[in-house]
Amino acid sequence: MIEADLQNLAEAALESSYDSVLITDSNLSHPEIVYVNPAFCEMTGWSRDEVIGRTPAILQGEETDRQVTDRLRRALEAGRNFEGRTINYRKDGRPFHIEWRTSPVRNDKGEVTHYLAIQRDVTAQVRLMRRLRQQAESDGLTELLNHKAGESELNAAIIGARQQEKPLSVALLDIDHFKAVNDEHGHAMGDLVIERIGHLVNQHLNRQDIGVRWGGEEFLLILLETDLDAASRAAEAFRKLIADTRFHDEINVTGSFGVAQCRPGEDGAALFKRADDALYRAKQKGRNRVCVSES
């Protein structure tokens, strides 16, 4: 009687669990679902009748991390528990982030008869962490990367270019006579100019490239798979774009650019210094121009 009561209690607990519960048989080559609870149905959009007898692969899709599912398979083959996180898909095709734990269920002889997966939708948490990370890495005025994040991206891009044996260049932009804009029109107008230039970078930079508000009125463009000539042309296109843009009423500004291509063995600090030296020459030669690194 006590055993029957415990079994009934276990079934009631599964049915009322906040977390999604899925149980399959022990056939790892083609595991069939033998039980899902109401939380699973609510999370996935599949009814119980629709999934019983089918494989959990119906929840997987293009963005499901195959490395995670491969690790799951290896753990279960070894009779171990598994914890993981990936992207699954609802019945209507919408993706969601899932965190789950799968455990072997054994009989009195110690033989695995089923696998129990307890799952939780963590999409909201993932989105929150993503927003917090973006806020920490982005410049609030321009929505470009901030200096700290840009420095990390530059160093990572240099490593990637070296490994792939592809060129990488940077273009350093400084807004000409920016102090005069602040002095004559106020800091709010200065912020508007910086914001608009940030938007121009966002709109016109190639998808693979990276825009950074380096600080103050300086912007760094990290140009992937781009040699010095192509980087110089890109900087010239941006120079013309800025010069042709009316920011507010009668306000127009120009930009000076320093361009440098990464050398073998060069780090981010050294590459930036050469771009900064080229920018200094552009300023010395009258501003509103592009100068490339001479060394």
Protein backbone atom coordinates (compact mmCIF):
# COMPACT_ATOMS: atom_id res chain seq x y z
CA MET A 1 0.00 0.00 0.00
CA ILE A 2 2.83 2.37 0.89
CA GLU A 3 4.59 1.57 -2.40
CA ALA A 4 1.41 2.32 -4.37
CA ASP A 5 1.00 5.60 -2.51
CA LEU A 6 4.59 6.57 -3.32
CA GLN A 7 4.06 5.74 -6.98
CA ASN A 8 0.92 7.87 -7.09
CA LEU A 9 2.78 10.70 -5.36
CA ALA A 10 5.63 10.49 -7.87
CA GLU A 11 3.20 10.62 -10.79
CA ALA A 12 1.39 13.61 -9.28
CA ALA A 13 4.70 15.40 -8.70
CA LEU A 14 5.74 14.91 -12.33
CA GLU A 15 2.39 16.14 -13.58
CA SER A 16 2.46 19.27 -11.43
CA SER A 17 6.17 20.07 -11.86
CA TYR A 18 7.01 23.63 -12.90
CA ASP A 19 9.89 22.27 -14.98
CA SER A 20 9.37 20.38 -18.21
CA VAL A 21 9.86 16.63 -17.82
CA LEU A 22 10.52 14.24 -20.70
CA ILE A 23 11.21 10.50 -20.44
CA THR A 24 12.49 8.31 -23.27
CA ASP A 25 13.26 4.65 -23.58
CA SER A 26 16.90 3.49 -23.46
CA ASN A 27 17.44 3.07 -27.22
CA LEU A 28 20.09 5.73 -27.84
CA SER A 29 20.18 5.15 -31.59
CA HIS A 30 16.51 6.14 -31.84
CA PRO A 31 15.13 7.12 -28.43
CA GLU A 32 11.35 7.23 -28.26
CA ILE A 33 9.46 9.56 -25.95
CA VAL A 34 7.30 7.61 -23.49
CA TYR A 35 6.20 10.45 -21.22
CA VAL A 36 5.99 14.26 -21.11
CA ASN A 37 4.33 16.37 -18.46
CA PRO A 38 2.02 19.38 -18.94
CA ALA A 39 4.92 21.82 -18.45
CA PHE A 40 6.66 20.26 -21.46
CA CYS A 41 3.55 20.73 -23.58
CA GLU A 42 3.20 24.35 -22.48
CA MET A 43 6.87 25.08 -23.19
CA THR A 44 7.06 23.42 -26.62
CA GLY A 45 3.54 23.73 -28.02
CA TRP A 46 3.41 19.98 -28.66
CA SER A 47 0.60 17.95 -27.12
CA ARG A 48 1.31 14.71 -25.30
CA ASP A 49 -0.36 12.59 -28.00
CA GLU A 50 1.74 14.28 -30.70
CA VAL A 51 5.11 13.46 -29.15
CA ILE A 52 4.65 10.02 -27.55
CA GLY A 53 6.57 7.51 -29.67
CA ARG A 54 8.62 10.20 -31.43
CA THR A 55 12.25 11.17 -30.87
CA PRO A 56 13.36 14.31 -28.97
CA ALA A 57 15.04 15.38 -32.22
CA ILE A 58 11.69 17.00 -33.15
CA LEU A 59 12.74 19.81 -30.80
CA GLN A 60 16.02 20.47 -32.59
CA GLY A 61 16.73 22.81 -35.47
CA GLU A 62 19.30 24.91 -37.30
CA GLU A 63 20.71 26.68 -34.23
CA THR A 64 20.77 23.66 -31.95
CA ASP A 65 24.35 23.23 -30.80
CA ARG A 66 25.49 19.87 -32.18
CA GLN A 67 28.53 19.82 -29.94
CA VAL A 68 26.20 19.89 -26.93
CA THR A 69 24.00 17.10 -28.28
CA ASP A 70 27.12 15.04 -29.10
CA ARG A 71 28.33 15.46 -25.52
CA LEU A 72 24.89 14.40 -24.30
CA ARG A 73 25.07 11.23 -26.38
CA ARG A 74 28.56 10.36 -25.11
CA ALA A 75 27.55 10.94 -21.49
CA LEU A 76 24.48 8.72 -21.78
CA GLU A 77 26.44 6.00 -23.55
CA ALA A 78 28.78 6.02 -20.55
CA GLY A 79 25.84 5.89 -18.15
CA ARG A 80 26.52 9.36 -16.73
CA ASN A 81 24.27 12.29 -15.93
CA PHE A 82 24.44 15.25 -18.29
CA GLU A 83 23.79 18.98 -17.90
CA GLY A 84 23.70 21.33 -20.86
CA ARG A 85 22.24 24.35 -22.57
CA THR A 86 21.28 24.86 -26.21
CA ILE A 87 18.57 26.22 -28.50
CA ASN A 88 15.46 24.15 -29.14
CA TYR A 89 12.40 24.87 -31.24
CA ARG A 90 8.71 25.00 -30.44
CA LYS A 91 6.15 23.28 -32.62
CA ASP A 92 5.50 26.57 -34.44
CA GLY A 93 9.21 26.90 -35.27
CA ARG A 94 10.09 29.60 -32.74
CA PRO A 95 13.48 29.02 -31.08
CA PHE A 96 14.01 29.14 -27.33
CA HIS A 97 16.99 28.66 -25.04
CA ILE A 98 16.82 25.55 -22.90
CA GLU A 99 18.79 24.35 -19.90
CA TRP A 100 18.37 20.72 -18.94
CA ARG A 101 19.65 17.75 -17.00
CA THR A 102 19.35 14.18 -18.28
CA SER A 103 19.80 11.16 -16.02
CA PRO A 104 19.72 7.40 -16.66
CA VAL A 105 16.88 5.52 -14.92
CA ARG A 106 17.93 2.05 -13.74
CA ASN A 107 16.00 -1.04 -12.68
CA ASP A 108 16.74 -3.26 -9.68
CA LYS A 109 19.53 -4.96 -11.64
CA GLY A 110 21.27 -1.65 -12.38
CA GLU A 111 20.31 -1.75 -16.07
CA VAL A 112 19.36 1.49 -17.80
CA THR A 113 15.72 1.29 -18.86
CA HIS A 114 14.91 4.94 -19.52
CA TYR A 115 16.32 8.46 -19.58
CA LEU A 116 14.78 11.30 -17.60
CA ALA A 117 15.26 14.88 -18.86
CA ILE A 118 14.26 17.85 -16.71
CA GLN A 119 14.19 21.00 -18.82
CA ARG A 120 13.72 24.71 -18.24
CA ASP A 121 13.18 27.57 -20.68
CA VAL A 122 15.92 30.13 -19.94
CA THR A 123 15.27 32.44 -22.91
CA ALA A 124 14.42 35.42 -20.68
CA GLN A 125 17.62 35.00 -18.68
CA VAL A 126 19.73 34.67 -21.84
CA ARG A 127 18.18 37.83 -23.31
CA LEU A 128 18.74 39.74 -20.08
CA MET A 129 22.40 38.69 -19.92
CA ARG A 130 22.81 39.62 -23.58
CA ARG A 131 21.35 43.08 -22.96
CA LEU A 132 23.56 43.61 -19.92
CA ARG A 133 26.63 42.51 -21.90
CA GLN A 134 25.71 44.83 -24.77
CA GLN A 135 25.25 47.73 -22.35
CA ALA A 136 28.63 47.02 -20.80
CA GLU A 137 30.34 46.83 -24.19
CA SER A 138 28.60 49.61 -26.11
CA ASP A 139 28.90 53.38 -26.11
CA GLY A 140 25.59 54.83 -24.95
CA LEU A 141 25.67 57.77 -27.36
CA THR A 142 26.61 56.06 -30.63
CA GLU A 143 25.72 52.37 -29.95
CA LEU A 144 29.17 51.45 -31.26
CA LEU A 145 31.56 49.42 -29.13
CA ASN A 146 33.17 51.38 -26.33
CA HIS A 147 36.95 51.71 -25.90
CA LYS A 148 37.39 48.67 -23.65
CA ALA A 149 35.33 46.34 -25.84
CA GLY A 150 36.91 47.78 -28.99
CA GLU A 151 40.39 47.13 -27.67
CA SER A 152 39.47 43.48 -27.03
CA GLU A 153 37.93 43.16 -30.50
CA LEU A 154 41.01 44.66 -32.12
CA ASN A 155 43.34 42.19 -30.43
CA ALA A 156 41.01 39.28 -31.26
CA ALA A 157 40.79 40.45 -34.89
CA ILE A 158 44.60 40.58 -35.14
CA ILE A 159 44.89 37.02 -33.83
CA GLY A 160 42.20 35.85 -36.26
CA ALA A 161 43.85 37.58 -39.23
CA ARG A 162 47.19 36.02 -38.33
CA GLN A 163 45.70 32.54 -38.06
CA GLN A 164 43.83 32.89 -41.36
CA GLU A 165 46.74 34.65 -43.06
CA LYS A 166 44.48 37.50 -44.17
CA PRO A 167 45.10 41.25 -44.09
CA LEU A 168 43.64 43.53 -41.42
CA SER A 169 43.69 47.31 -41.31
CA VAL A 170 42.40 50.07 -39.07
CA ALA A 171 41.24 53.61 -39.78
CA LEU A 172 41.33 56.13 -36.94
CA LEU A 173 38.90 59.05 -37.35
CA ASP A 174 39.02 62.33 -35.45
CA ILE A 175 36.37 65.04 -35.89
CA ASP A 176 38.07 68.26 -36.99
CA HIS A 177 37.71 71.36 -34.77
CA PHE A 178 35.29 69.56 -32.49
CA LYS A 179 36.04 71.89 -29.56
CA ALA A 180 34.72 74.77 -31.66
CA VAL A 181 31.42 72.93 -32.15
CA ASN A 182 31.05 72.57 -28.38
CA ASP A 183 32.12 76.16 -27.71
CA GLU A 184 29.90 77.77 -30.36
CA HIS A 185 26.82 75.53 -30.22
CA GLY A 186 26.94 73.85 -26.83
CA HIS A 187 27.70 70.33 -25.65
CA ALA A 188 24.24 69.05 -26.59
CA MET A 189 24.99 69.90 -30.23
CA GLY A 190 28.42 68.30 -29.88
CA ASP A 191 26.76 65.12 -28.64
CA LEU A 192 24.40 65.24 -31.62
CA VAL A 193 27.34 65.39 -34.03
CA ILE A 194 29.04 62.43 -32.34
CA GLU A 195 25.78 60.47 -32.32
CA ARG A 196 25.15 61.12 -36.03
CA ILE A 197 28.69 60.11 -37.00
CA GLY A 198 28.23 56.92 -34.98
CA HIS A 199 25.06 56.22 -36.95
CA LEU A 200 26.89 56.86 -40.23
CA VAL A 201 29.50 54.31 -39.19
CA ASN A 202 26.78 51.81 -38.26
CA GLN A 203 24.94 52.32 -41.54
CA HIS A 204 27.86 52.30 -43.95
CA LEU A 205 30.48 50.03 -42.40
CA ASN A 206 30.64 46.58 -43.97
CA ARG A 207 28.83 43.93 -41.95
CA GLN A 208 32.05 42.08 -41.12
CA ASP A 209 33.87 45.20 -39.92
CA ILE A 210 33.78 46.76 -36.44
CA GLY A 211 33.11 50.34 -35.40
CA VAL A 212 34.39 51.67 -32.08
CA ARG A 213 33.93 54.98 -30.33
CA TRP A 214 37.50 55.13 -29.12
CA GLY A 215 36.94 58.15 -26.92
CA GLY A 216 35.79 61.77 -27.13
CA GLU A 217 35.57 62.65 -30.82
CA GLU A 218 37.73 59.70 -31.98
CA PHE A 219 36.39 56.63 -33.77
CA LEU A 220 38.26 53.46 -34.73
CA LEU A 221 37.22 51.35 -37.73
CA ILE A 222 38.53 47.77 -37.63
CA LEU A 223 38.54 46.58 -41.25
CA LEU A 224 38.75 42.80 -41.53
CA GLU A 225 40.28 41.11 -44.59
CA THR A 226 41.26 44.57 -45.84
CA ASP A 227 44.68 45.65 -47.09
CA LEU A 228 46.10 49.17 -46.87
CA ASP A 229 44.84 50.32 -50.28
CA ALA A 230 41.29 49.11 -49.66
CA ALA A 231 41.33 50.61 -46.15
CA SER A 232 42.48 53.95 -47.55
CA ARG A 233 39.60 53.92 -50.04
CA ALA A 234 37.12 53.06 -47.29
CA ALA A 235 38.42 55.92 -45.12
CA GLU A 236 38.17 58.32 -48.06
CA ALA A 237 34.56 57.27 -48.63
CA PHE A 238 33.77 57.98 -44.98
CA ARG A 239 35.60 61.30 -45.15
CA LYS A 240 33.41 62.41 -48.05
CA LEU A 241 30.28 61.11 -46.35
CA ILE A 242 30.96 63.13 -43.20
CA ALA A 243 31.84 66.28 -45.17
CA ASP A 244 28.59 66.00 -47.17
CA THR A 245 26.37 65.46 -44.12
CA ARG A 246 24.46 68.39 -42.60
CA PHE A 247 24.19 67.75 -38.90
CA HIS A 248 21.90 70.58 -37.83
CA ASP A 249 20.90 73.76 -39.62
CA GLU A 250 24.19 75.28 -40.74
CA ILE A 251 26.52 72.89 -38.89
CA ASN A 252 28.90 70.87 -41.01
CA VAL A 253 31.99 69.09 -39.79
CA THR A 254 34.87 67.23 -41.40
CA GLY A 255 37.02 64.34 -40.29
CA SER A 256 40.69 63.45 -40.52
CA PHE A 257 41.78 59.82 -40.88
CA GLY A 258 44.90 57.81 -40.15
CA VAL A 259 45.11 54.36 -41.75
CA ALA A 260 47.45 51.46 -41.05
CA GLN A 261 47.65 47.79 -42.00
CA CYS A 262 48.65 45.23 -39.39
CA ARG A 263 52.17 43.87 -39.76
CA PRO A 264 53.23 40.29 -38.97
CA GLY A 265 53.71 39.92 -35.22
CA GLU A 266 52.28 43.36 -34.45
CA ASP A 267 49.91 43.81 -31.51
CA GLY A 268 46.93 46.12 -31.18
CA ALA A 269 48.81 48.88 -29.35
CA ALA A 270 51.52 49.10 -32.01
CA LEU A 271 48.99 49.05 -34.86
CA PHE A 272 46.95 51.79 -33.21
CA LYS A 273 50.03 53.96 -32.69
CA ARG A 274 50.88 53.84 -36.38
CA ALA A 275 47.30 54.80 -37.28
CA ASP A 276 47.46 57.60 -34.69
CA ASP A 277 50.74 58.87 -36.18
CA ALA A 278 49.11 58.90 -39.64
CA LEU A 279 46.12 60.79 -38.19
CA TYR A 280 48.50 63.38 -36.71
CA ARG A 281 50.00 63.96 -40.17
CA ALA A 282 46.50 64.38 -41.62
CA LYS A 283 45.84 67.07 -39.03
CA GLN A 284 49.19 68.74 -39.72
CA LYS A 285 48.50 68.83 -43.46
CA GLY A 286 45.28 70.79 -43.04
CA ARG A 287 42.71 68.25 -41.80
CA ASN A 288 39.78 66.77 -43.76
CA ARG A 289 42.04 64.22 -45.40
CA VAL A 290 43.27 60.60 -45.20
CA CYS A 291 46.89 59.75 -44.46
CA VAL A 292 48.30 56.22 -44.41
CA SER A 293 51.04 54.87 -42.22
CA GLU A 294 54.47 55.53 -43.72
CA SER A 295 56.29 52.90 -41.72
